[in-house]
Amino acid sequence: MKNYFLDTSFLIDLMKSKKKAIRTHEEIKGREVTGSPCIYELSKFTEFNLEKLFINKRVLKFTVSDAQEAGDIYYELSQKGDLIGEMDLIIAGMVRNRNVELITKDDDFKEIEGIDLRLY
């Protein structure tokens, strides 16, 4: 069964009850994960109750193999002159390393080969 990695942009829209995010979440419910880098990004927005948001979600920790994959992605993009933000590289490393589909509205991820991507 395919798992879906919820990017920070998606989580913010979900917490703001955006219709597209809610509809997408209903489709994948029970198969969603997110990562500790997304928790970091969300913690910068104090109005969100993170404990409530993550009560039924698996949060993956950033590992050494995720870091290696992120470094590989950085190298690949730098060869093409298409760099993206550091946090997006870390998230992309997790997604590609774990072979999960990324749910996001950030189209910077389209530049990365080998990532299953769902823009909502």
Protein backbone atom coordinates (compact mmCIF):
# COMPACT_ATOMS: atom_id res chain seq x y z
CA MET A 1 0.00 0.00 0.00
CA LYS A 2 1.36 3.40 -0.99
CA ASN A 3 2.12 5.96 1.71
CA TYR A 4 1.83 9.70 1.24
CA PHE A 5 4.26 12.24 2.70
CA LEU A 6 2.52 15.44 3.77
CA ASP A 7 4.64 18.50 3.03
CA THR A 8 4.52 21.56 5.25
CA SER A 9 2.48 23.54 2.71
CA PHE A 10 -0.18 20.82 2.72
CA LEU A 11 -0.23 20.60 6.52
CA ILE A 12 -0.71 24.36 6.82
CA ASP A 13 -3.61 24.29 4.37
CA LEU A 14 -5.11 21.32 6.18
CA MET A 15 -4.94 23.17 9.50
CA LYS A 16 -6.52 26.22 7.84
CA SER A 17 -9.34 23.95 6.59
CA LYS A 18 -8.69 24.67 2.91
CA LYS A 19 -11.13 22.65 0.80
CA LYS A 20 -8.57 21.15 -1.60
CA ALA A 21 -6.39 20.02 1.30
CA ILE A 22 -9.33 18.48 3.16
CA ARG A 23 -10.53 16.67 0.03
CA THR A 24 -7.03 15.30 -0.68
CA HIS A 25 -6.62 14.25 2.96
CA GLU A 26 -9.86 12.30 2.84
CA GLU A 27 -8.56 10.35 -0.18
CA ILE A 28 -5.34 9.27 1.54
CA LYS A 29 -6.47 9.05 5.16
CA GLY A 30 -4.72 6.29 7.08
CA ARG A 31 -1.77 6.19 4.66
CA GLU A 32 -0.24 9.56 5.45
CA VAL A 33 3.12 10.30 7.03
CA THR A 34 5.16 13.43 7.50
CA GLY A 35 8.69 14.13 8.63
CA SER A 36 10.47 15.80 11.50
CA PRO A 37 11.68 18.61 9.19
CA CYS A 38 8.03 19.51 8.58
CA ILE A 39 7.46 19.68 12.34
CA TYR A 40 10.35 22.13 12.54
CA GLU A 41 8.87 24.28 9.78
CA LEU A 42 5.41 24.22 11.40
CA SER A 43 6.78 25.07 14.84
CA LYS A 44 7.69 28.50 13.46
CA PHE A 45 3.95 29.21 13.21
CA THR A 46 2.83 29.47 16.82
CA GLU A 47 -0.91 29.60 16.07
CA PHE A 48 -0.98 25.89 15.20
CA ASN A 49 -1.61 23.13 17.75
CA LEU A 50 0.95 20.57 16.59
CA GLU A 51 -0.01 17.91 19.12
CA LYS A 52 -3.57 17.90 17.82
CA LEU A 53 -2.44 17.82 14.20
CA PHE A 54 -0.10 14.85 14.62
CA ILE A 55 -2.13 12.72 17.00
CA ASN A 56 -3.03 10.21 14.24
CA LYS A 57 -0.07 10.68 11.92
CA ARG A 58 3.26 8.94 11.71
CA VAL A 59 6.20 11.32 11.90
CA LEU A 60 9.36 10.00 10.25
CA LYS A 61 12.72 11.03 11.65
CA PHE A 62 15.39 12.37 9.31
CA THR A 63 17.99 9.60 8.98
CA VAL A 64 21.52 9.25 7.64
CA SER A 65 20.21 7.60 4.46
CA ASP A 66 17.71 10.47 4.05
CA ALA A 67 20.61 12.92 4.38
CA GLN A 68 22.62 11.04 1.75
CA GLU A 69 19.66 11.13 -0.63
CA ALA A 70 19.17 14.85 0.00
CA GLY A 71 22.84 15.41 -0.80
CA ASP A 72 22.46 13.43 -4.01
CA ILE A 73 19.46 15.56 -4.99
CA TYR A 74 21.41 18.73 -4.25
CA TYR A 75 24.22 17.52 -6.50
CA GLU A 76 21.82 16.56 -9.32
CA LEU A 77 20.05 19.92 -9.20
CA SER A 78 23.29 21.90 -8.95
CA GLN A 79 24.54 20.23 -12.13
CA LYS A 80 21.47 21.60 -13.93
CA GLY A 81 21.62 24.98 -12.19
CA ASP A 82 18.22 24.37 -10.53
CA LEU A 83 18.73 24.72 -6.79
CA ILE A 84 15.79 24.74 -4.37
CA GLY A 85 15.51 25.66 -0.69
CA GLU A 86 17.46 23.69 1.89
CA MET A 87 14.38 22.44 3.75
CA ASP A 88 12.82 21.31 0.47
CA LEU A 89 16.01 19.36 -0.28
CA ILE A 90 15.80 17.64 3.10
CA ILE A 91 12.13 16.77 2.57
CA ALA A 92 12.85 15.57 -0.98
CA GLY A 93 15.62 13.35 0.37
CA MET A 94 13.21 11.73 2.79
CA VAL A 95 10.56 11.28 0.11
CA ARG A 96 12.83 9.76 -2.51
CA ASN A 97 14.72 7.60 -0.02
CA ARG A 98 11.51 6.13 1.37
CA ASN A 99 9.66 5.87 -1.96
CA VAL A 100 6.53 7.69 -0.81
CA GLU A 101 4.38 10.15 -2.76
CA LEU A 102 4.81 13.79 -1.80
CA ILE A 103 1.65 15.85 -1.32
CA THR A 104 2.44 19.55 -1.70
CA LYS A 105 1.50 22.75 -3.45
CA ASP A 106 5.17 23.71 -3.83
CA ASP A 107 6.05 23.15 -7.48
CA ASP A 108 9.81 23.43 -6.82
CA PHE A 109 9.70 19.67 -6.28
CA LYS A 110 8.88 19.14 -9.98
CA GLU A 111 12.59 19.67 -10.74
CA ILE A 112 13.59 16.51 -8.83
CA GLU A 113 13.80 13.24 -10.70
CA GLY A 114 12.58 10.07 -9.02
CA ILE A 115 9.94 11.64 -6.78
CA ASP A 116 6.26 10.76 -6.98
CA LEU A 117 4.58 14.12 -6.66
CA ARG A 118 0.96 15.18 -6.20
CA LEU A 119 0.32 18.87 -6.47
CA TYR A 120 -3.07 19.79 -5.07
